[in-house]
PDB file of all heavy atoms in Angstrom:
ATOM      1  N   ASN A   1     104.119  79.064 115.463  1.00  0.00           N
ATOM      2  CA  ASN A   1     105.417  78.611 115.947  1.00  0.00           C
ATOM      3  C   ASN A   1     105.320  77.298 116.715  1.00  0.00           C
ATOM      4  O   ASN A   1     106.243  76.484 116.671  1.00  0.00           O
ATOM      5  CB  ASN A   1     106.075  79.699 116.797  1.00  0.00           C
ATOM      6  CG  ASN A   1     106.517  80.888 115.956  1.00  0.00           C
ATOM      7  OD1 ASN A   1     106.556  80.838 114.734  1.00  0.00           O
ATOM      8  ND2 ASN A   1     106.838  81.980 116.624  1.00  0.00           N
ATOM      9  N   LYS A   2     104.198  77.057 117.413  1.00  0.00           N
ATOM     10  CA  LYS A   2     103.989  75.773 118.105  1.00  0.00           C
ATOM     11  C   LYS A   2     103.906  74.636 117.094  1.00  0.00           C
ATOM     12  O   LYS A   2     104.429  73.551 117.332  1.00  0.00           O
ATOM     13  CB  LYS A   2     102.688  75.806 118.917  1.00  0.00           C
ATOM     14  CG  LYS A   2     102.843  76.309 120.305  1.00  0.00           C
ATOM     15  CD  LYS A   2     101.531  76.118 121.066  1.00  0.00           C
ATOM     16  CE  LYS A   2     101.317  77.304 121.967  1.00  0.00           C
ATOM     17  NZ  LYS A   2      99.977  77.398 122.503  1.00  0.00           N
ATOM     18  N   LYS A   3     103.224  74.878 115.988  1.00  0.00           N
ATOM     19  CA  LYS A   3     103.001  73.825 114.993  1.00  0.00           C
ATOM     20  C   LYS A   3     104.200  73.609 114.075  1.00  0.00           C
ATOM     21  O   LYS A   3     104.449  72.495 113.634  1.00  0.00           O
ATOM     22  CB  LYS A   3     101.784  74.167 114.133  1.00  0.00           C
ATOM     23  CG  LYS A   3     100.479  74.094 114.875  1.00  0.00           C
ATOM     24  CD  LYS A   3      99.321  74.460 113.961  1.00  0.00           C
ATOM     25  CE  LYS A   3      97.999  74.401 114.700  1.00  0.00           C
ATOM     26  NZ  LYS A   3      96.878  74.796 113.846  1.00  0.00           N
ATOM     27  N   ASN A   4     104.911  74.690 113.716  1.00  0.00           N
ATOM     28  CA  ASN A   4     105.934  74.610 112.673  1.00  0.00           C
ATOM     29  C   ASN A   4     107.346  74.941 113.140  1.00  0.00           C
ATOM     30  O   ASN A   4     108.257  74.974 112.327  1.00  0.00           O
ATOM     31  CB  ASN A   4     105.583  75.586 111.537  1.00  0.00           C
ATOM     32  CG  ASN A   4     104.215  75.322 110.964  1.00  0.00           C
ATOM     33  OD1 ASN A   4     103.902  74.210 110.589  1.00  0.00           O
ATOM     34  ND2 ASN A   4     103.383  76.346 110.911  1.00  0.00           N
ATOM     35  N   GLY A   5     107.546  75.238 114.399  1.00  0.00           N
ATOM     36  CA  GLY A   5     108.841  75.751 114.847  1.00  0.00           C
ATOM     37  C   GLY A   5     108.862  77.252 114.614  1.00  0.00           C
ATOM     38  O   GLY A   5     107.980  77.796 113.947  1.00  0.00           O
ATOM     39  N   GLN A   6     109.857  77.935 115.147  1.00  0.00           N
ATOM     40  CA  GLN A   6     109.858  79.393 115.072  1.00  0.00           C
ATOM     41  C   GLN A   6     109.990  79.892 113.637  1.00  0.00           C
ATOM     42  O   GLN A   6     110.908  79.530 112.922  1.00  0.00           O
ATOM     43  CB  GLN A   6     110.977  80.003 115.909  1.00  0.00           C
ATOM     44  CG  GLN A   6     110.883  81.508 115.922  1.00  0.00           C
ATOM     45  CD  GLN A   6     111.942  82.177 116.764  1.00  0.00           C
ATOM     46  OE1 GLN A   6     112.743  81.524 117.413  1.00  0.00           O
ATOM     47  NE2 GLN A   6     111.946  83.490 116.736  1.00  0.00           N
ATOM     48  N   ILE A   7     109.024  80.710 113.251  1.00  0.00           N
ATOM     49  CA  ILE A   7     109.039  81.386 111.955  1.00  0.00           C
ATOM     50  C   ILE A   7     108.952  82.885 112.195  1.00  0.00           C
ATOM     51  O   ILE A   7     109.732  83.662 111.664  1.00  0.00           O
ATOM     52  CB  ILE A   7     107.893  80.890 111.055  1.00  0.00           C
ATOM     53  CG1 ILE A   7     108.071  79.393 110.741  1.00  0.00           C
ATOM     54  CG2 ILE A   7     107.834  81.711 109.773  1.00  0.00           C
ATOM     55  CD1 ILE A   7     106.920  78.755 110.011  1.00  0.00           C
ATOM     56  N   TRP A   8     107.981  83.319 113.009  1.00  0.00           N
ATOM     57  CA  TRP A   8     107.815  84.722 113.373  1.00  0.00           C
ATOM     58  C   TRP A   8     108.198  84.891 114.833  1.00  0.00           C
ATOM     59  O   TRP A   8     108.330  83.914 115.574  1.00  0.00           O
ATOM     60  CB  TRP A   8     106.366  85.164 113.161  1.00  0.00           C
ATOM     61  CG  TRP A   8     105.951  85.309 111.730  1.00  0.00           C
ATOM     62  CD1 TRP A   8     106.749  85.257 110.624  1.00  0.00           C
ATOM     63  CD2 TRP A   8     104.629  85.540 111.245  1.00  0.00           C
ATOM     64  NE1 TRP A   8     106.004  85.440 109.487  1.00  0.00           N
ATOM     65  CE2 TRP A   8     104.705  85.619 109.839  1.00  0.00           C
ATOM     66  CE3 TRP A   8     103.393  85.692 111.853  1.00  0.00           C
ATOM     67  CZ2 TRP A   8     103.576  85.848 109.046  1.00  0.00           C
ATOM     68  CZ3 TRP A   8     102.274  85.914 111.071  1.00  0.00           C
ATOM     69  CH2 TRP A   8     102.372  85.991 109.673  1.00  0.00           C
ATOM     70  N   ASP A   9     108.338  86.153 115.254  1.00  0.00           N
ATOM     71  CA  ASP A   9     108.699  86.422 116.641  1.00  0.00           C
ATOM     72  C   ASP A   9     107.957  87.665 117.142  1.00  0.00           C
ATOM     73  O   ASP A   9     107.033  88.144 116.488  1.00  0.00           O
ATOM     74  CB  ASP A   9     110.215  86.568 116.792  1.00  0.00           C
ATOM     75  CG  ASP A   9     110.817  87.663 115.919  1.00  0.00           C
ATOM     76  OD1 ASP A   9     110.092  88.612 115.531  1.00  0.00           O
ATOM     77  OD2 ASP A   9     112.023  87.578 115.627  1.00  0.00           O
ATOM     78  N   ASP A  10     108.388  88.188 118.286  1.00  0.00           N
ATOM     79  CA  ASP A  10     107.725  89.361 118.864  1.00  0.00           C
ATOM     80  C   ASP A  10     107.887  90.607 117.991  1.00  0.00           C
ATOM     81  O   ASP A  10     107.086  91.527 118.067  1.00  0.00           O
ATOM     82  CB  ASP A  10     108.273  89.651 120.265  1.00  0.00           C
ATOM     83  CG  ASP A  10     107.871  88.586 121.262  1.00  0.00           C
ATOM     84  OD1 ASP A  10     106.860  87.898 121.032  1.00  0.00           O
ATOM     85  OD2 ASP A  10     108.578  88.439 122.280  1.00  0.00           O
ATOM     86  N   PHE A  11     108.917  90.635 117.172  1.00  0.00           N
ATOM     87  CA  PHE A  11     109.173  91.796 116.308  1.00  0.00           C
ATOM     88  C   PHE A  11     108.439  91.672 114.968  1.00  0.00           C
ATOM     89  O   PHE A  11     107.744  92.591 114.543  1.00  0.00           O
ATOM     90  CB  PHE A  11     110.686  91.942 116.086  1.00  0.00           C
ATOM     91  CG  PHE A  11     111.044  93.121 115.229  1.00  0.00           C
ATOM     92  CD1 PHE A  11     111.047  94.399 115.756  1.00  0.00           C
ATOM     93  CD2 PHE A  11     111.368  92.950 113.893  1.00  0.00           C
ATOM     94  CE1 PHE A  11     111.371  95.501 114.971  1.00  0.00           C
ATOM     95  CE2 PHE A  11     111.684  94.030 113.097  1.00  0.00           C
ATOM     96  CZ  PHE A  11     111.692  95.308 113.637  1.00  0.00           C
ATOM     97  N   TYR A  12     108.646  90.535 114.290  1.00  0.00           N
ATOM     98  CA  TYR A  12     108.053  90.346 112.961  1.00  0.00           C
ATOM     99  C   TYR A  12     106.847  89.419 113.058  1.00  0.00           C
ATOM    100  O   TYR A  12     106.960  88.357 113.655  1.00  0.00           O
ATOM    101  CB  TYR A  12     109.075  89.747 111.982  1.00  0.00           C
ATOM    102  CG  TYR A  12     108.530  89.713 110.569  1.00  0.00           C
ATOM    103  CD1 TYR A  12     108.679  90.809 109.741  1.00  0.00           C
ATOM    104  CD2 TYR A  12     107.822  88.620 110.096  1.00  0.00           C
ATOM    105  CE1 TYR A  12     108.154  90.802 108.460  1.00  0.00           C
ATOM    106  CE2 TYR A  12     107.297  88.606 108.827  1.00  0.00           C
ATOM    107  CZ  TYR A  12     107.465  89.694 108.010  1.00  0.00           C
ATOM    108  OH  TYR A  12     106.927  89.690 106.743  1.00  0.00           O
ATOM    109  N   PRO A  13     105.731  89.798 112.478  1.00  0.00           N
ATOM    110  CA  PRO A  13     105.477  90.915 111.568  1.00  0.00           C
ATOM    111  C   PRO A  13     104.914  92.176 112.236  1.00  0.00           C
ATOM    112  O   PRO A  13     104.762  93.200 111.580  1.00  0.00           O
ATOM    113  CB  PRO A  13     104.451  90.338 110.613  1.00  0.00           C
ATOM    114  CG  PRO A  13     103.613  89.438 111.484  1.00  0.00           C
ATOM    115  CD  PRO A  13     104.604  88.841 112.464  1.00  0.00           C
ATOM    116  N   CYS A  14     104.607  92.102 113.525  1.00  0.00           N
ATOM    117  CA  CYS A  14     103.835  93.177 114.177  1.00  0.00           C
ATOM    118  C   CYS A  14     104.457  94.564 114.066  1.00  0.00           C
ATOM    119  O   CYS A  14     103.734  95.554 113.927  1.00  0.00           O
ATOM    120  CB  CYS A  14     103.575  92.829 115.638  1.00  0.00           C
ATOM    121  SG  CYS A  14     102.334  91.515 115.809  1.00  0.00           S
ATOM    122  N   GLU A  15     105.780  94.644 114.112  1.00  0.00           N
ATOM    123  CA  GLU A  15     106.407  95.971 114.082  1.00  0.00           C
ATOM    124  C   GLU A  15     106.350  96.633 112.706  1.00  0.00           C
ATOM    125  O   GLU A  15     106.695  97.805 112.573  1.00  0.00           O
ATOM    126  CB  GLU A  15     107.848  95.888 114.588  1.00  0.00           C
ATOM    127  CG  GLU A  15     107.925  95.555 116.074  1.00  0.00           C
ATOM    128  CD  GLU A  15     107.113  96.505 116.955  1.00  0.00           C
ATOM    129  OE1 GLU A  15     107.215  97.734 116.777  1.00  0.00           O
ATOM    130  OE2 GLU A  15     106.365  96.003 117.826  1.00  0.00           O
ATOM    131  N   PHE A  16     105.893  95.928 111.697  1.00  0.00           N
ATOM    132  CA  PHE A  16     105.779  96.496 110.352  1.00  0.00           C
ATOM    133  C   PHE A  16     104.375  97.026 110.052  1.00  0.00           C
ATOM    134  O   PHE A  16     104.172  97.749 109.087  1.00  0.00           O
ATOM    135  CB  PHE A  16     106.162  95.454 109.301  1.00  0.00           C
ATOM    136  CG  PHE A  16     107.630  95.165 109.273  1.00  0.00           C
ATOM    137  CD1 PHE A  16     108.196  94.280 110.183  1.00  0.00           C
ATOM    138  CD2 PHE A  16     108.457  95.790 108.352  1.00  0.00           C
ATOM    139  CE1 PHE A  16     109.550  94.020 110.175  1.00  0.00           C
ATOM    140  CE2 PHE A  16     109.818  95.531 108.323  1.00  0.00           C
ATOM    141  CZ  PHE A  16     110.371  94.644 109.241  1.00  0.00           C
ATOM    142  N   PHE A  17     103.402  96.632 110.857  1.00  0.00           N
ATOM    143  CA  PHE A  17     102.010  96.953 110.530  1.00  0.00           C
ATOM    144  C   PHE A  17     101.697  98.446 110.512  1.00  0.00           C
ATOM    145  O   PHE A  17     100.955  98.903 109.651  1.00  0.00           O
ATOM    146  CB  PHE A  17     101.044  96.219 111.467  1.00  0.00           C
ATOM    147  CG  PHE A  17     101.002  94.735 111.243  1.00  0.00           C
ATOM    148  CD1 PHE A  17     100.930  93.863 112.319  1.00  0.00           C
ATOM    149  CD2 PHE A  17     101.014  94.190 109.969  1.00  0.00           C
ATOM    150  CE1 PHE A  17     100.870  92.493 112.122  1.00  0.00           C
ATOM    151  CE2 PHE A  17     100.963  92.829 109.759  1.00  0.00           C
ATOM    152  CZ  PHE A  17     100.891  91.971 110.847  1.00  0.00           C
ATOM    153  N   GLU A  18     102.225  99.208 111.451  1.00  0.00           N
ATOM    154  CA  GLU A  18     101.928 100.647 111.463  1.00  0.00           C
ATOM    155  C   GLU A  18     102.409 101.304 110.170  1.00  0.00           C
ATOM    156  O   GLU A  18     101.675 102.073 109.543  1.00  0.00           O
ATOM    157  CB  GLU A  18     102.542 101.336 112.677  1.00  0.00           C
ATOM    158  CG  GLU A  18     102.180 102.812 112.734  1.00  0.00           C
ATOM    159  CD  GLU A  18     102.642 103.491 114.017  1.00  0.00           C
ATOM    160  OE1 GLU A  18     103.201 102.830 114.911  1.00  0.00           O
ATOM    161  OE2 GLU A  18     102.406 104.705 114.121  1.00  0.00           O
ATOM    162  N   ASP A  19     103.628 100.983 109.755  1.00  0.00           N
ATOM    163  CA  ASP A  19     104.158 101.531 108.507  1.00  0.00           C
ATOM    164  C   ASP A  19     103.329 101.059 107.307  1.00  0.00           C
ATOM    165  O   ASP A  19     103.049 101.832 106.394  1.00  0.00           O
ATOM    166  CB  ASP A  19     105.625 101.120 108.347  1.00  0.00           C
ATOM    167  CG  ASP A  19     106.294 101.831 107.194  1.00  0.00           C
ATOM    168  OD1 ASP A  19     106.293 103.078 107.174  1.00  0.00           O
ATOM    169  OD2 ASP A  19     106.808 101.128 106.304  1.00  0.00           O
ATOM    170  N   ASP A  20     102.926  99.791 107.333  1.00  0.00           N
ATOM    171  CA  ASP A  20     102.068  99.268 106.250  1.00  0.00           C
ATOM    172  C   ASP A  20     100.757 100.052 106.167  1.00  0.00           C
ATOM    173  O   ASP A  20     100.298 100.391 105.072  1.00  0.00           O
ATOM    174  CB  ASP A  20     101.757  97.784 106.474  1.00  0.00           C
ATOM    175  CG  ASP A  20     102.938  96.869 106.195  1.00  0.00           C
ATOM    176  OD1 ASP A  20     103.865  97.262 105.470  1.00  0.00           O
ATOM    177  OD2 ASP A  20     102.915  95.734 106.724  1.00  0.00           O
ATOM    178  N   ILE A  21     100.160 100.346 107.323  1.00  0.00           N
ATOM    179  CA  ILE A  21      98.896 101.088 107.338  1.00  0.00           C
ATOM    180  C   ILE A  21      99.112 102.507 106.815  1.00  0.00           C
ATOM    181  O   ILE A  21      98.366 102.983 105.952  1.00  0.00           O
ATOM    182  CB  ILE A  21      98.290 101.111 108.756  1.00  0.00           C
ATOM    183  CG1 ILE A  21      97.820  99.706 109.165  1.00  0.00           C
ATOM    184  CG2 ILE A  21      97.118 102.102 108.824  1.00  0.00           C
ATOM    185  CD1 ILE A  21      97.456  99.566 110.639  1.00  0.00           C
ATOM    186  N   LEU A  22     100.137 103.177 107.316  1.00  0.00           N
ATOM    187  CA  LEU A  22     100.403 104.556 106.901  1.00  0.00           C
ATOM    188  C   LEU A  22     100.706 104.665 105.407  1.00  0.00           C
ATOM    189  O   LEU A  22     100.411 105.674 104.775  1.00  0.00           O
ATOM    190  CB  LEU A  22     101.542 105.151 107.728  1.00  0.00           C
ATOM    191  CG  LEU A  22     101.239 105.322 109.221  1.00  0.00           C
ATOM    192  CD1 LEU A  22     102.486 105.777 109.975  1.00  0.00           C
ATOM    193  CD2 LEU A  22     100.077 106.286 109.441  1.00  0.00           C
ATOM    194  N   ASN A  23     101.280 103.606 104.841  1.00  0.00           N
ATOM    195  CA  ASN A  23     101.614 103.591 103.413  1.00  0.00           C
ATOM    196  C   ASN A  23     100.564 102.884 102.559  1.00  0.00           C
ATOM    197  O   ASN A  23     100.822 102.565 101.401  1.00  0.00           O
ATOM    198  CB  ASN A  23     103.000 102.977 103.211  1.00  0.00           C
ATOM    199  CG  ASN A  23     104.077 103.920 103.669  1.00  0.00           C
ATOM    200  OD1 ASN A  23     104.324 104.944 103.033  1.00  0.00           O
ATOM    201  ND2 ASN A  23     104.695 103.619 104.806  1.00  0.00           N
ATOM    202  N   LYS A  24      99.402 102.623 103.150  1.00  0.00           N
ATOM    203  CA  LYS A  24      98.251 102.036 102.449  1.00  0.00           C
ATOM    204  C   LYS A  24      98.604 100.745 101.709  1.00  0.00           C
ATOM    205  O   LYS A  24      98.288 100.558 100.546  1.00  0.00           O
ATOM    206  CB  LYS A  24      97.632 103.062 101.494  1.00  0.00           C
ATOM    207  CG  LYS A  24      97.139 104.303 102.224  1.00  0.00           C
ATOM    208  CD  LYS A  24      96.327 105.201 101.324  1.00  0.00           C
ATOM    209  CE  LYS A  24      95.865 106.447 102.002  1.00  0.00           C
ATOM    210  NZ  LYS A  24      95.234 106.349 103.280  1.00  0.00           N
ATOM    211  N   ARG A  25      99.241  99.837 102.456  1.00  0.00           N
ATOM    212  CA  ARG A  25      99.579  98.545 101.865  1.00  0.00           C
ATOM    213  C   ARG A  25      99.150  97.356 102.732  1.00  0.00           C
ATOM    214  O   ARG A  25      99.500  96.225 102.447  1.00  0.00           O
ATOM    215  CB  ARG A  25     101.052  98.480 101.515  1.00  0.00           C
ATOM    216  CG  ARG A  25     101.999  98.634 102.654  1.00  0.00           C
ATOM    217  CD  ARG A  25     103.464  98.545 102.212  1.00  0.00           C
ATOM    218  NE  ARG A  25     104.302  98.798 103.350  1.00  0.00           N
ATOM    219  CZ  ARG A  25     105.206  99.769 103.428  1.00  0.00           C
ATOM    220  NH1 ARG A  25     105.408 100.557 102.401  1.00  0.00           N
ATOM    221  NH2 ARG A  25     105.921  99.925 104.514  1.00  0.00           N
ATOM    222  N   LEU A  26      98.389  97.636 103.804  1.00  0.00           N
ATOM    223  CA  LEU A  26      97.888  96.552 104.648  1.00  0.00           C
ATOM    224  C   LEU A  26      96.382  96.434 104.448  1.00  0.00           C
ATOM    225  O   LEU A  26      95.649  97.412 104.608  1.00  0.00           O
ATOM    226  CB  LEU A  26      98.199  96.799 106.125  1.00  0.00           C
ATOM    227  CG  LEU A  26      97.860  95.628 107.058  1.00  0.00           C
ATOM    228  CD1 LEU A  26      98.762  94.425 106.774  1.00  0.00           C
ATOM    229  CD2 LEU A  26      97.998  96.037 108.515  1.00  0.00           C
ATOM    230  N   TYR A  27      95.941  95.242 104.085  1.00  0.00           N
ATOM    231  CA  TYR A  27      94.532  94.971 103.814  1.00  0.00           C
ATOM    232  C   TYR A  27      93.989  94.050 104.888  1.00  0.00           C
ATOM    233  O   TYR A  27      94.687  93.154 105.363  1.00  0.00           O
ATOM    234  CB  TYR A  27      94.387  94.314 102.438  1.00  0.00           C
ATOM    235  CG  TYR A  27      94.803  95.228 101.324  1.00  0.00           C
ATOM    236  CD1 TYR A  27      96.142  95.347 100.948  1.00  0.00           C
ATOM    237  CD2 TYR A  27      93.864  96.003 100.650  1.00  0.00           C
ATOM    238  CE1 TYR A  27      96.526  96.205  99.933  1.00  0.00           C
ATOM    239  CE2 TYR A  27      94.247  96.871  99.624  1.00  0.00           C
ATOM    240  CZ  TYR A  27      95.579  96.960  99.283  1.00  0.00           C
ATOM    241  OH  TYR A  27      95.959  97.818  98.283  1.00  0.00           O
ATOM    242  N   VAL A  28      92.735  94.268 105.246  1.00  0.00           N
ATOM    243  CA  VAL A  28      92.093  93.452 106.273  1.00  0.00           C
ATOM    244  C   VAL A  28      90.749  92.923 105.776  1.00  0.00           C
ATOM    245  O   VAL A  28      90.100  93.537 104.929  1.00  0.00           O
ATOM    246  CB  VAL A  28      91.876  94.237 107.589  1.00  0.00           C
ATOM    247  CG1 VAL A  28      93.212  94.602 108.232  1.00  0.00           C
ATOM    248  CG2 VAL A  28      91.025  95.468 107.387  1.00  0.00           C
ATOM    249  N   LEU A  29      90.361  91.797 106.347  1.00  0.00           N
ATOM    250  CA  LEU A  29      89.027  91.253 106.183  1.00  0.00           C
ATOM    251  C   LEU A  29      88.397  91.300 107.563  1.00  0.00           C
ATOM    252  O   LEU A  29      88.947  90.745 108.531  1.00  0.00           O
ATOM    253  CB  LEU A  29      89.071  89.812 105.656  1.00  0.00           C
ATOM    254  CG  LEU A  29      87.712  89.157 105.397  1.00  0.00           C
ATOM    255  CD1 LEU A  29      86.962  89.876 104.270  1.00  0.00           C
ATOM    256  CD2 LEU A  29      87.898  87.682 105.047  1.00  0.00           C
ATOM    257  N   MET A  30      87.264  92.006 107.663  1.00  0.00           N
ATOM    258  CA  MET A  30      86.603  92.202 108.955  1.00  0.00           C
ATOM    259  C   MET A  30      85.248  91.502 108.962  1.00  0.00           C
ATOM    260  O   MET A  30      84.528  91.516 107.962  1.00  0.00           O
ATOM    261  CB  MET A  30      86.394  93.695 109.221  1.00  0.00           C
ATOM    262  CG  MET A  30      87.659  94.540 109.201  1.00  0.00           C
ATOM    263  SD  MET A  30      88.855  94.156 110.501  1.00  0.00           S
ATOM    264  CE  MET A  30      87.955  94.687 111.959  1.00  0.00           C
ATOM    265  N   ASP A  31      84.913  90.903 110.089  1.00  0.00           N
ATOM    266  CA  ASP A  31      83.600  90.328 110.336  1.00  0.00           C
ATOM    267  C   ASP A  31      82.984  91.197 111.430  1.00  0.00           C
ATOM    268  O   ASP A  31      83.298  91.033 112.613  1.00  0.00           O
ATOM    269  CB  ASP A  31      83.736  88.877 110.791  1.00  0.00           C
ATOM    270  CG  ASP A  31      82.405  88.176 110.973  1.00  0.00           C
ATOM    271  OD1 ASP A  31      81.349  88.780 110.676  1.00  0.00           O
ATOM    272  OD2 ASP A  31      82.422  87.005 111.417  1.00  0.00           O
ATOM    273  N   ASN A  32      82.165  92.164 111.017  1.00  0.00           N
ATOM    274  CA  ASN A  32      81.709  93.232 111.911  1.00  0.00           C
ATOM    275  C   ASN A  32      82.958  93.944 112.438  1.00  0.00           C
ATOM    276  O   ASN A  32      83.701  94.494 111.654  1.00  0.00           O
ATOM    277  CB  ASN A  32      80.776  92.713 112.993  1.00  0.00           C
ATOM    278  CG  ASN A  32      79.474  92.194 112.402  1.00  0.00           C
ATOM    279  OD1 ASN A  32      78.850  92.861 111.588  1.00  0.00           O
ATOM    280  ND2 ASN A  32      79.078  90.994 112.796  1.00  0.00           N
ATOM    281  N   ASP A  33      83.212  93.897 113.735  1.00  0.00           N
ATOM    282  CA  ASP A  33      84.388  94.575 114.288  1.00  0.00           C
ATOM    283  C   ASP A  33      85.541  93.619 114.592  1.00  0.00           C
ATOM    284  O   ASP A  33      86.500  94.003 115.268  1.00  0.00           O
ATOM    285  CB  ASP A  33      84.002  95.317 115.574  1.00  0.00           C
ATOM    286  CG  ASP A  33      83.083  96.496 115.299  1.00  0.00           C
ATOM    287  OD1 ASP A  33      83.146  97.046 114.188  1.00  0.00           O
ATOM    288  OD2 ASP A  33      82.301  96.853 116.204  1.00  0.00           O
ATOM    289  N   VAL A  34      85.459  92.386 114.112  1.00  0.00           N
ATOM    290  CA  VAL A  34      86.475  91.381 114.406  1.00  0.00           C
ATOM    291  C   VAL A  34      87.392  91.191 113.197  1.00  0.00           C
ATOM    292  O   VAL A  34      86.924  90.966 112.079  1.00  0.00           O
ATOM    293  CB  VAL A  34      85.817  90.026 114.778  1.00  0.00           C
ATOM    294  CG1 VAL A  34      86.871  88.952 115.007  1.00  0.00           C
ATOM    295  CG2 VAL A  34      84.930  90.184 116.006  1.00  0.00           C
ATOM    296  N   LEU A  35      88.710  91.286 113.443  1.00  0.00           N
ATOM    297  CA  LEU A  35      89.684  91.037 112.389  1.00  0.00           C
ATOM    298  C   LEU A  35      89.703  89.547 112.062  1.00  0.00           C
ATOM    299  O   LEU A  35      89.966  88.719 112.936  1.00  0.00           O
ATOM    300  CB  LEU A  35      91.084  91.482 112.833  1.00  0.00           C
ATOM    301  CG  LEU A  35      92.173  91.189 111.813  1.00  0.00           C
ATOM    302  CD1 LEU A  35      92.091  92.158 110.645  1.00  0.00           C
ATOM    303  CD2 LEU A  35      93.543  91.235 112.463  1.00  0.00           C
ATOM    304  N   VAL A  36      89.419  89.235 110.808  1.00  0.00           N
ATOM    305  CA  VAL A  36      89.435  87.853 110.343  1.00  0.00           C
ATOM    306  C   VAL A  36      90.808  87.503 109.778  1.00  0.00           C
ATOM    307  O   VAL A  36      91.359  86.441 110.047  1.00  0.00           O
ATOM    308  CB  VAL A  36      88.344  87.625 109.273  1.00  0.00           C
ATOM    309  CG1 VAL A  36      88.428  86.228 108.673  1.00  0.00           C
ATOM    310  CG2 VAL A  36      86.962  87.881 109.861  1.00  0.00           C
ATOM    311  N   SER A  37      91.367  88.430 108.988  1.00  0.00           N
ATOM    312  CA  SER A  37      92.631  88.160 108.310  1.00  0.00           C
ATOM    313  C   SER A  37      93.237  89.472 107.837  1.00  0.00           C
ATOM    314  O   SER A  37      92.539  90.483 107.712  1.00  0.00           O
ATOM    315  CB  SER A  37      92.365  87.234 107.115  1.00  0.00           C
ATOM    316  OG  SER A  37      93.565  86.882 106.461  1.00  0.00           O
ATOM    317  N   ALA A  38      94.541  89.426 107.548  1.00  0.00           N
ATOM    318  CA  ALA A  38      95.229  90.595 107.024  1.00  0.00           C
ATOM    319  C   ALA A  38      96.429  90.156 106.193  1.00  0.00           C
ATOM    320  O   ALA A  38      96.966  89.067 106.394  1.00  0.00           O
ATOM    321  CB  ALA A  38      95.699  91.505 108.157  1.00  0.00           C
TER     322      ALA A  38
END
């Protein structure tokens, strides 16, 4: 948002992640225990 102006906010996308996980549609790339991307 600093670089491009507001695109995401406190609600999106974070409030969708739990449902994504429960429905097996969220994928992650991990470097040991560190989240690299999702």
